[in-house]
Amino acid sequence: MENISSLIEKLSWSVSEEEKEDAIHKLQNIKEEDLHLLLQPISKDYWDGAAETVIRLGYPRVKSILSGLLEWIQDTNWPGAGEIADFLLEIGDPMIPYVKDVLNQHSDDEEWVYWIFEVLIDHWNKKQVLQIQEELIKISQEKANDLLALRILLAHSMYSKEVVCEIIQRKKDVLVFELKELHDTHPEIDCEALHKEFFNQQPNVIKQFHEHNKERFYICNAISKRQEVLSEIEIFTAECLTS
């Protein structure tokens, strides 16, 4: 067998399909201790080929790198990420401990957790979801991906509509209070006018303008974020709690 690194270098977008196929075929004989070399190797133009290689190896051949494969879907715009996501979904139950670990240890990584919900958890059956119930309840009480967790808890009858409505109302009350406090504490800030003024600046002074007004931008961003969450809650309520 050729050197593993040499074969991986043939997984690039720039390599002919025939040569790439030959490399993928030969990499089916890769040793377990070398599997980690297929995890997003070299640079992004090799990742599609590496993903295809992993998928052809199949489960349980790739069992030792499941945690690394889960990291691959931190951003599903990455090459190969969509294919890896479908592969992990097919694997099913063996992924549960790795998903639990991410939900417990990396719940602050909003984008990663979002994609795990989107491509895995949303498609799990109730028996699978029950195994992460504790983590879902914890996330439902936080500020990031909380609505995703509530949607799953509701869909699998782990929470009743009444319970979800109570939780949603508490979240709305907090947001409304925080918005009022921000407006009352900074009545002089007109966010719409600030952003209009910002976009009217000449390119050479935009950075200086932002630095000079960073406190006002901070307050406006805080207001905007809470308004966005309130809008998301309204959509969630319309979709999940009114039928």
C-alpha atoms as a PDB file:
ATOM      1  CA  MET A   1       0.000   0.000   0.000  1.00  0.00           C
ATOM      2  CA  GLU A   2       1.220   3.495  -0.834  1.00  0.00           C
ATOM      3  CA  ASN A   3       2.105   5.942   1.900  1.00  0.00           C
ATOM      4  CA  ILE A   4      -1.097   7.191   3.588  1.00  0.00           C
ATOM      5  CA  SER A   5      -0.118  10.829   3.240  1.00  0.00           C
ATOM      6  CA  SER A   6       0.529  10.389  -0.477  1.00  0.00           C
ATOM      7  CA  LEU A   7      -2.887   8.814  -0.968  1.00  0.00           C
ATOM      8  CA  ILE A   8      -4.622  11.560   0.976  1.00  0.00           C
ATOM      9  CA  GLU A   9      -2.910  14.149  -1.230  1.00  0.00           C
ATOM     10  CA  LYS A  10      -4.724  12.534  -4.175  1.00  0.00           C
ATOM     11  CA  LEU A  11      -8.126  13.366  -2.644  1.00  0.00           C
ATOM     12  CA  SER A  12      -7.866  16.987  -3.765  1.00  0.00           C
ATOM     13  CA  TRP A  13     -10.376  18.709  -6.031  1.00  0.00           C
ATOM     14  CA  SER A  14      -7.516  19.313  -8.470  1.00  0.00           C
ATOM     15  CA  VAL A  15      -6.821  15.599  -8.970  1.00  0.00           C
ATOM     16  CA  SER A  16      -8.516  13.684 -11.772  1.00  0.00           C
ATOM     17  CA  GLU A  17     -11.567  11.608 -10.848  1.00  0.00           C
ATOM     18  CA  GLU A  18      -9.773   8.442 -11.926  1.00  0.00           C
ATOM     19  CA  GLU A  19      -6.750   9.107  -9.717  1.00  0.00           C
ATOM     20  CA  LYS A  20      -8.944  10.146  -6.800  1.00  0.00           C
ATOM     21  CA  GLU A  21     -11.065   7.007  -7.125  1.00  0.00           C
ATOM     22  CA  ASP A  22      -7.915   4.899  -7.084  1.00  0.00           C
ATOM     23  CA  ALA A  23      -6.745   6.638  -3.894  1.00  0.00           C
ATOM     24  CA  ILE A  24     -10.128   6.148  -2.186  1.00  0.00           C
ATOM     25  CA  HIS A  25     -10.070   2.478  -3.170  1.00  0.00           C
ATOM     26  CA  LYS A  26      -6.582   1.985  -1.716  1.00  0.00           C
ATOM     27  CA  LEU A  27      -7.473   3.892   1.455  1.00  0.00           C
ATOM     28  CA  GLN A  28     -10.083   1.239   2.224  1.00  0.00           C
ATOM     29  CA  ASN A  29      -7.125  -0.721   3.613  1.00  0.00           C
ATOM     30  CA  ILE A  30      -6.118   2.043   6.027  1.00  0.00           C
ATOM     31  CA  LYS A  31      -5.157   0.897   9.516  1.00  0.00           C
ATOM     32  CA  GLU A  32      -7.251   1.955  12.492  1.00  0.00           C
ATOM     33  CA  GLU A  33      -4.403   3.940  14.026  1.00  0.00           C
ATOM     34  CA  ASP A  34      -4.248   6.041  10.836  1.00  0.00           C
ATOM     35  CA  LEU A  35      -7.967   6.807  10.553  1.00  0.00           C
ATOM     36  CA  HIS A  36      -7.555  10.181  12.259  1.00  0.00           C
ATOM     37  CA  LEU A  37      -5.559  11.336   9.218  1.00  0.00           C
ATOM     38  CA  LEU A  38      -8.828  11.412   7.261  1.00  0.00           C
ATOM     39  CA  LEU A  39     -10.397  13.997   9.573  1.00  0.00           C
ATOM     40  CA  GLN A  40     -10.456  17.204   7.495  1.00  0.00           C
ATOM     41  CA  PRO A  41      -6.913  16.674   6.192  1.00  0.00           C
ATOM     42  CA  ILE A  42      -4.472  19.286   4.813  1.00  0.00           C
ATOM     43  CA  SER A  43      -6.924  21.933   3.538  1.00  0.00           C
ATOM     44  CA  LYS A  44     -10.553  22.215   2.465  1.00  0.00           C
ATOM     45  CA  ASP A  45      -9.976  21.046  -1.099  1.00  0.00           C
ATOM     46  CA  TYR A  46      -9.201  17.566   0.274  1.00  0.00           C
ATOM     47  CA  TRP A  47     -12.225  17.265   2.552  1.00  0.00           C
ATOM     48  CA  ASP A  48     -14.805  16.060   0.038  1.00  0.00           C
ATOM     49  CA  GLY A  49     -12.559  13.169  -0.938  1.00  0.00           C
ATOM     50  CA  ALA A  50     -11.756  12.392   2.678  1.00  0.00           C
ATOM     51  CA  ALA A  51     -15.466  12.362   3.540  1.00  0.00           C
ATOM     52  CA  GLU A  52     -16.192   9.963   0.700  1.00  0.00           C
ATOM     53  CA  THR A  53     -13.370   7.721   1.893  1.00  0.00           C
ATOM     54  CA  VAL A  54     -14.756   7.668   5.440  1.00  0.00           C
ATOM     55  CA  ILE A  55     -18.280   6.912   4.253  1.00  0.00           C
ATOM     56  CA  ARG A  56     -17.096   4.016   2.103  1.00  0.00           C
ATOM     57  CA  LEU A  57     -15.178   2.612   5.067  1.00  0.00           C
ATOM     58  CA  GLY A  58     -18.483   2.635   6.915  1.00  0.00           C
ATOM     59  CA  TYR A  59     -19.408   1.845  10.474  1.00  0.00           C
ATOM     60  CA  PRO A  60     -18.032   0.176  12.587  1.00  0.00           C
ATOM     61  CA  ARG A  61     -14.706   0.609  10.737  1.00  0.00           C
ATOM     62  CA  VAL A  62     -14.668   4.306  11.687  1.00  0.00           C
ATOM     63  CA  LYS A  63     -15.870   3.856  15.279  1.00  0.00           C
ATOM     64  CA  SER A  64     -12.621   5.222  16.741  1.00  0.00           C
ATOM     65  CA  ILE A  65     -13.035   8.606  15.008  1.00  0.00           C
ATOM     66  CA  LEU A  66     -16.740   9.273  15.609  1.00  0.00           C
ATOM     67  CA  SER A  67     -16.007  12.220  17.886  1.00  0.00           C
ATOM     68  CA  GLY A  68     -13.820  13.747  15.182  1.00  0.00           C
ATOM     69  CA  LEU A  69     -16.507  13.173  12.567  1.00  0.00           C
ATOM     70  CA  LEU A  70     -18.999  14.976  14.793  1.00  0.00           C
ATOM     71  CA  GLU A  71     -16.615  17.936  14.873  1.00  0.00           C
ATOM     72  CA  TRP A  72     -16.775  17.947  11.069  1.00  0.00           C
ATOM     73  CA  ILE A  73     -20.348  19.244  11.238  1.00  0.00           C
ATOM     74  CA  GLN A  74     -19.471  22.295  13.333  1.00  0.00           C
ATOM     75  CA  ASP A  75     -20.231  24.134  10.110  1.00  0.00           C
ATOM     76  CA  THR A  76     -22.234  22.281   7.473  1.00  0.00           C
ATOM     77  CA  ASN A  77     -20.930  24.663   4.818  1.00  0.00           C
ATOM     78  CA  TRP A  78     -17.550  22.944   5.077  1.00  0.00           C
ATOM     79  CA  PRO A  79     -16.723  20.551   2.215  1.00  0.00           C
ATOM     80  CA  GLY A  80     -17.933  17.039   3.006  1.00  0.00           C
ATOM     81  CA  ALA A  81     -19.899  18.141   6.069  1.00  0.00           C
ATOM     82  CA  GLY A  82     -23.307  17.399   4.569  1.00  0.00           C
ATOM     83  CA  GLU A  83     -22.271  13.908   3.554  1.00  0.00           C
ATOM     84  CA  ILE A  84     -20.714  13.257   6.955  1.00  0.00           C
ATOM     85  CA  ALA A  85     -23.912  14.483   8.643  1.00  0.00           C
ATOM     86  CA  ASP A  86     -26.010  11.998   6.643  1.00  0.00           C
ATOM     87  CA  PHE A  87     -23.521   9.256   7.484  1.00  0.00           C
ATOM     88  CA  LEU A  88     -23.662  10.002  11.225  1.00  0.00           C
ATOM     89  CA  LEU A  89     -27.460  10.002  11.100  1.00  0.00           C
ATOM     90  CA  GLU A  90     -27.402   6.544   9.516  1.00  0.00           C
ATOM     91  CA  ILE A  91     -25.084   5.282  12.268  1.00  0.00           C
ATOM     92  CA  GLY A  92     -27.795   6.099  14.808  1.00  0.00           C
ATOM     93  CA  ASP A  93     -27.504   4.943  18.426  1.00  0.00           C
ATOM     94  CA  PRO A  94     -23.681   4.773  18.619  1.00  0.00           C
ATOM     95  CA  MET A  95     -23.636   8.555  18.102  1.00  0.00           C
ATOM     96  CA  ILE A  96     -25.674   9.273  21.227  1.00  0.00           C
ATOM     97  CA  PRO A  97     -22.757   9.332  23.746  1.00  0.00           C
ATOM     98  CA  TYR A  98     -20.821  11.718  21.505  1.00  0.00           C
ATOM     99  CA  VAL A  99     -23.804  14.017  21.080  1.00  0.00           C
ATOM    100  CA  LYS A 100     -24.399  13.968  24.845  1.00  0.00           C
ATOM    101  CA  ASP A 101     -20.790  14.983  25.389  1.00  0.00           C
ATOM    102  CA  VAL A 102     -21.087  17.970  23.054  1.00  0.00           C
ATOM    103  CA  LEU A 103     -24.359  19.100  24.646  1.00  0.00           C
ATOM    104  CA  ASN A 104     -22.776  18.851  28.097  1.00  0.00           C
ATOM    105  CA  GLN A 105     -19.323  20.215  27.388  1.00  0.00           C
ATOM    106  CA  HIS A 106     -19.863  22.605  24.475  1.00  0.00           C
ATOM    107  CA  SER A 107     -23.386  23.991  24.819  1.00  0.00           C
ATOM    108  CA  ASP A 108     -21.847  27.475  24.511  1.00  0.00           C
ATOM    109  CA  ASP A 109     -20.777  26.654  20.950  1.00  0.00           C
ATOM    110  CA  GLU A 110     -24.069  27.890  19.511  1.00  0.00           C
ATOM    111  CA  GLU A 111     -23.406  27.057  15.875  1.00  0.00           C
ATOM    112  CA  TRP A 112     -22.153  23.520  16.504  1.00  0.00           C
ATOM    113  CA  VAL A 113     -25.066  22.659  18.783  1.00  0.00           C
ATOM    114  CA  TYR A 114     -27.472  24.195  16.261  1.00  0.00           C
ATOM    115  CA  TRP A 115     -26.190  21.923  13.484  1.00  0.00           C
ATOM    116  CA  ILE A 116     -26.325  18.863  15.725  1.00  0.00           C
ATOM    117  CA  PHE A 117     -29.997  19.613  16.293  1.00  0.00           C
ATOM    118  CA  GLU A 118     -30.594  20.317  12.615  1.00  0.00           C
ATOM    119  CA  VAL A 119     -28.931  17.254  11.080  1.00  0.00           C
ATOM    120  CA  LEU A 120     -29.132  14.655  13.865  1.00  0.00           C
ATOM    121  CA  ILE A 121     -31.426  15.195  16.848  1.00  0.00           C
ATOM    122  CA  ASP A 122     -34.351  16.513  14.776  1.00  0.00           C
ATOM    123  CA  HIS A 123     -34.386  13.171  12.949  1.00  0.00           C
ATOM    124  CA  TRP A 124     -33.992  10.855  15.945  1.00  0.00           C
ATOM    125  CA  ASN A 125     -36.829   8.703  17.261  1.00  0.00           C
ATOM    126  CA  LYS A 126     -38.239   9.062  20.757  1.00  0.00           C
ATOM    127  CA  LYS A 127     -36.117   6.243  22.193  1.00  0.00           C
ATOM    128  CA  GLN A 128     -32.971   8.006  21.037  1.00  0.00           C
ATOM    129  CA  VAL A 129     -34.118  11.436  22.182  1.00  0.00           C
ATOM    130  CA  LEU A 130     -34.997  10.094  25.639  1.00  0.00           C
ATOM    131  CA  GLN A 131     -31.319   9.344  26.159  1.00  0.00           C
ATOM    132  CA  ILE A 132     -30.471  13.050  25.921  1.00  0.00           C
ATOM    133  CA  GLN A 133     -33.542  14.324  27.783  1.00  0.00           C
ATOM    134  CA  GLU A 134     -31.488  15.731  30.660  1.00  0.00           C
ATOM    135  CA  GLU A 135     -29.290  17.684  28.261  1.00  0.00           C
ATOM    136  CA  LEU A 136     -32.307  18.985  26.335  1.00  0.00           C
ATOM    137  CA  ILE A 137     -33.927  20.257  29.529  1.00  0.00           C
ATOM    138  CA  LYS A 138     -30.705  22.034  30.484  1.00  0.00           C
ATOM    139  CA  ILE A 139     -30.375  23.698  27.066  1.00  0.00           C
ATOM    140  CA  SER A 140     -34.066  24.699  27.119  1.00  0.00           C
ATOM    141  CA  GLN A 141     -33.264  26.816  30.180  1.00  0.00           C
ATOM    142  CA  GLU A 142     -30.363  28.602  28.503  1.00  0.00           C
ATOM    143  CA  LYS A 143     -30.333  31.431  25.956  1.00  0.00           C
ATOM    144  CA  ALA A 144     -28.808  29.624  22.994  1.00  0.00           C
ATOM    145  CA  ASN A 145     -30.661  26.905  21.072  1.00  0.00           C
ATOM    146  CA  ASP A 146     -33.282  26.829  23.823  1.00  0.00           C
ATOM    147  CA  LEU A 147     -36.190  26.897  21.383  1.00  0.00           C
ATOM    148  CA  LEU A 148     -34.717  23.984  19.447  1.00  0.00           C
ATOM    149  CA  ALA A 149     -34.556  21.963  22.661  1.00  0.00           C
ATOM    150  CA  LEU A 150     -38.110  22.928  23.613  1.00  0.00           C
ATOM    151  CA  ARG A 151     -39.359  21.918  20.169  1.00  0.00           C
ATOM    152  CA  ILE A 152     -37.851  18.442  20.586  1.00  0.00           C
ATOM    153  CA  LEU A 153     -39.152  18.064  24.139  1.00  0.00           C
ATOM    154  CA  LEU A 154     -42.633  19.022  22.946  1.00  0.00           C
ATOM    155  CA  ALA A 155     -42.554  16.898  19.800  1.00  0.00           C
ATOM    156  CA  HIS A 156     -41.703  13.767  21.786  1.00  0.00           C
ATOM    157  CA  SER A 157     -44.203  14.541  24.575  1.00  0.00           C
ATOM    158  CA  MET A 158     -41.524  14.992  27.215  1.00  0.00           C
ATOM    159  CA  TYR A 159     -43.025  18.397  27.951  1.00  0.00           C
ATOM    160  CA  SER A 160     -46.712  19.259  27.591  1.00  0.00           C
ATOM    161  CA  LYS A 161     -47.859  22.341  25.725  1.00  0.00           C
ATOM    162  CA  GLU A 162     -48.809  23.893  29.055  1.00  0.00           C
ATOM    163  CA  VAL A 163     -45.292  23.477  30.436  1.00  0.00           C
ATOM    164  CA  VAL A 164     -43.704  24.827  27.251  1.00  0.00           C
ATOM    165  CA  CYS A 165     -46.078  27.812  27.303  1.00  0.00           C
ATOM    166  CA  GLU A 166     -45.060  28.603  30.873  1.00  0.00           C
ATOM    167  CA  ILE A 167     -41.369  28.410  29.981  1.00  0.00           C
ATOM    168  CA  ILE A 168     -41.878  30.568  26.891  1.00  0.00           C
ATOM    169  CA  GLN A 169     -43.812  33.163  28.877  1.00  0.00           C
ATOM    170  CA  ARG A 170     -41.018  33.385  31.459  1.00  0.00           C
ATOM    171  CA  LYS A 171     -38.493  33.889  28.686  1.00  0.00           C
ATOM    172  CA  LYS A 172     -40.639  36.619  27.128  1.00  0.00           C
ATOM    173  CA  ASP A 173     -41.069  38.349  30.481  1.00  0.00           C
ATOM    174  CA  VAL A 174     -37.299  38.415  31.012  1.00  0.00           C
ATOM    175  CA  LEU A 175     -36.662  39.780  27.524  1.00  0.00           C
ATOM    176  CA  VAL A 176     -39.325  42.475  27.827  1.00  0.00           C
ATOM    177  CA  PHE A 177     -37.901  43.512  31.214  1.00  0.00           C
ATOM    178  CA  GLU A 178     -34.352  43.635  29.833  1.00  0.00           C
ATOM    179  CA  LEU A 179     -35.467  45.687  26.835  1.00  0.00           C
ATOM    180  CA  LYS A 180     -37.314  48.163  29.054  1.00  0.00           C
ATOM    181  CA  GLU A 181     -34.262  48.461  31.291  1.00  0.00           C
ATOM    182  CA  LEU A 182     -31.988  49.113  28.310  1.00  0.00           C
ATOM    183  CA  HIS A 183     -34.323  51.764  26.927  1.00  0.00           C
ATOM    184  CA  ASP A 184     -34.856  53.394  30.342  1.00  0.00           C
ATOM    185  CA  THR A 185     -31.131  53.422  31.115  1.00  0.00           C
ATOM    186  CA  HIS A 186     -30.141  54.812  27.719  1.00  0.00           C
ATOM    187  CA  PRO A 187     -33.072  56.952  26.504  1.00  0.00           C
ATOM    188  CA  GLU A 188     -30.694  59.174  24.546  1.00  0.00           C
ATOM    189  CA  ILE A 189     -29.665  56.382  22.146  1.00  0.00           C
ATOM    190  CA  ASP A 190     -31.518  56.247  18.840  1.00  0.00           C
ATOM    191  CA  CYS A 191     -30.347  52.992  17.286  1.00  0.00           C
ATOM    192  CA  GLU A 192     -31.990  53.583  13.918  1.00  0.00           C
ATOM    193  CA  ALA A 193     -30.307  56.982  13.623  1.00  0.00           C
ATOM    194  CA  LEU A 194     -26.969  55.566  14.750  1.00  0.00           C
ATOM    195  CA  HIS A 195     -26.951  52.858  12.094  1.00  0.00           C
ATOM    196  CA  LYS A 196     -28.058  55.321   9.427  1.00  0.00           C
ATOM    197  CA  GLU A 197     -25.230  57.653  10.414  1.00  0.00           C
ATOM    198  CA  PHE A 198     -22.790  54.733  10.334  1.00  0.00           C
ATOM    199  CA  PHE A 199     -23.712  53.735   6.781  1.00  0.00           C
ATOM    200  CA  ASN A 200     -23.410  57.358   5.643  1.00  0.00           C
ATOM    201  CA  GLN A 201     -19.771  57.577   6.779  1.00  0.00           C
ATOM    202  CA  GLN A 202     -16.943  57.669   4.290  1.00  0.00           C
ATOM    203  CA  PRO A 203     -15.020  54.346   4.113  1.00  0.00           C
ATOM    204  CA  ASN A 204     -11.851  55.916   5.517  1.00  0.00           C
ATOM    205  CA  VAL A 205     -13.552  57.000   8.773  1.00  0.00           C
ATOM    206  CA  ILE A 206     -15.941  54.069   9.402  1.00  0.00           C
ATOM    207  CA  LYS A 207     -13.546  52.350  11.817  1.00  0.00           C
ATOM    208  CA  GLN A 208     -12.944  55.589  13.705  1.00  0.00           C
ATOM    209  CA  PHE A 209     -16.685  56.295  13.872  1.00  0.00           C
ATOM    210  CA  HIS A 210     -17.411  52.815  15.228  1.00  0.00           C
ATOM    211  CA  GLU A 211     -14.651  53.116  17.843  1.00  0.00           C
ATOM    212  CA  HIS A 212     -15.902  56.528  18.947  1.00  0.00           C
ATOM    213  CA  ASN A 213     -19.461  55.181  19.321  1.00  0.00           C
ATOM    214  CA  LYS A 214     -18.690  51.641  20.498  1.00  0.00           C
ATOM    215  CA  GLU A 215     -20.693  52.032  23.712  1.00  0.00           C
ATOM    216  CA  ARG A 216     -23.777  53.078  21.764  1.00  0.00           C
ATOM    217  CA  PHE A 217     -23.269  50.214  19.302  1.00  0.00           C
ATOM    218  CA  TYR A 218     -22.972  47.794  22.219  1.00  0.00           C
ATOM    219  CA  ILE A 219     -26.309  48.944  23.634  1.00  0.00           C
ATOM    220  CA  CYS A 220     -27.999  48.837  20.233  1.00  0.00           C
ATOM    221  CA  ASN A 221     -26.678  45.335  19.580  1.00  0.00           C
ATOM    222  CA  ALA A 222     -28.013  44.218  22.969  1.00  0.00           C
ATOM    223  CA  ILE A 223     -31.428  45.667  22.112  1.00  0.00           C
ATOM    224  CA  SER A 224     -31.402  44.141  18.621  1.00  0.00           C
ATOM    225  CA  LYS A 225     -30.469  40.687  19.889  1.00  0.00           C
ATOM    226  CA  ARG A 226     -33.334  40.654  22.384  1.00  0.00           C
ATOM    227  CA  GLN A 227     -35.791  41.851  19.766  1.00  0.00           C
ATOM    228  CA  GLU A 228     -34.651  39.057  17.446  1.00  0.00           C
ATOM    229  CA  VAL A 229     -35.173  36.467  20.169  1.00  0.00           C
ATOM    230  CA  LEU A 230     -38.658  37.818  20.844  1.00  0.00           C
ATOM    231  CA  SER A 231     -39.435  37.443  17.136  1.00  0.00           C
ATOM    232  CA  GLU A 232     -38.128  33.861  17.203  1.00  0.00           C
ATOM    233  CA  ILE A 233     -40.347  33.140  20.192  1.00  0.00           C
ATOM    234  CA  GLU A 234     -43.372  34.493  18.344  1.00  0.00           C
ATOM    235  CA  ILE A 235     -42.611  32.231  15.376  1.00  0.00           C
ATOM    236  CA  PHE A 236     -42.093  29.259  17.700  1.00  0.00           C
ATOM    237  CA  THR A 237     -45.411  29.965  19.421  1.00  0.00           C
ATOM    238  CA  ALA A 238     -47.248  30.216  16.127  1.00  0.00           C
ATOM    239  CA  GLU A 239     -45.730  26.995  14.770  1.00  0.00           C
ATOM    240  CA  CYS A 240     -45.724  24.775  17.854  1.00  0.00           C
ATOM    241  CA  LEU A 241     -48.188  26.038  20.418  1.00  0.00           C
ATOM    242  CA  THR A 242     -51.279  27.225  18.539  1.00  0.00           C
ATOM    243  CA  SER A 243     -52.340  24.020  16.796  1.00  0.00           C
END
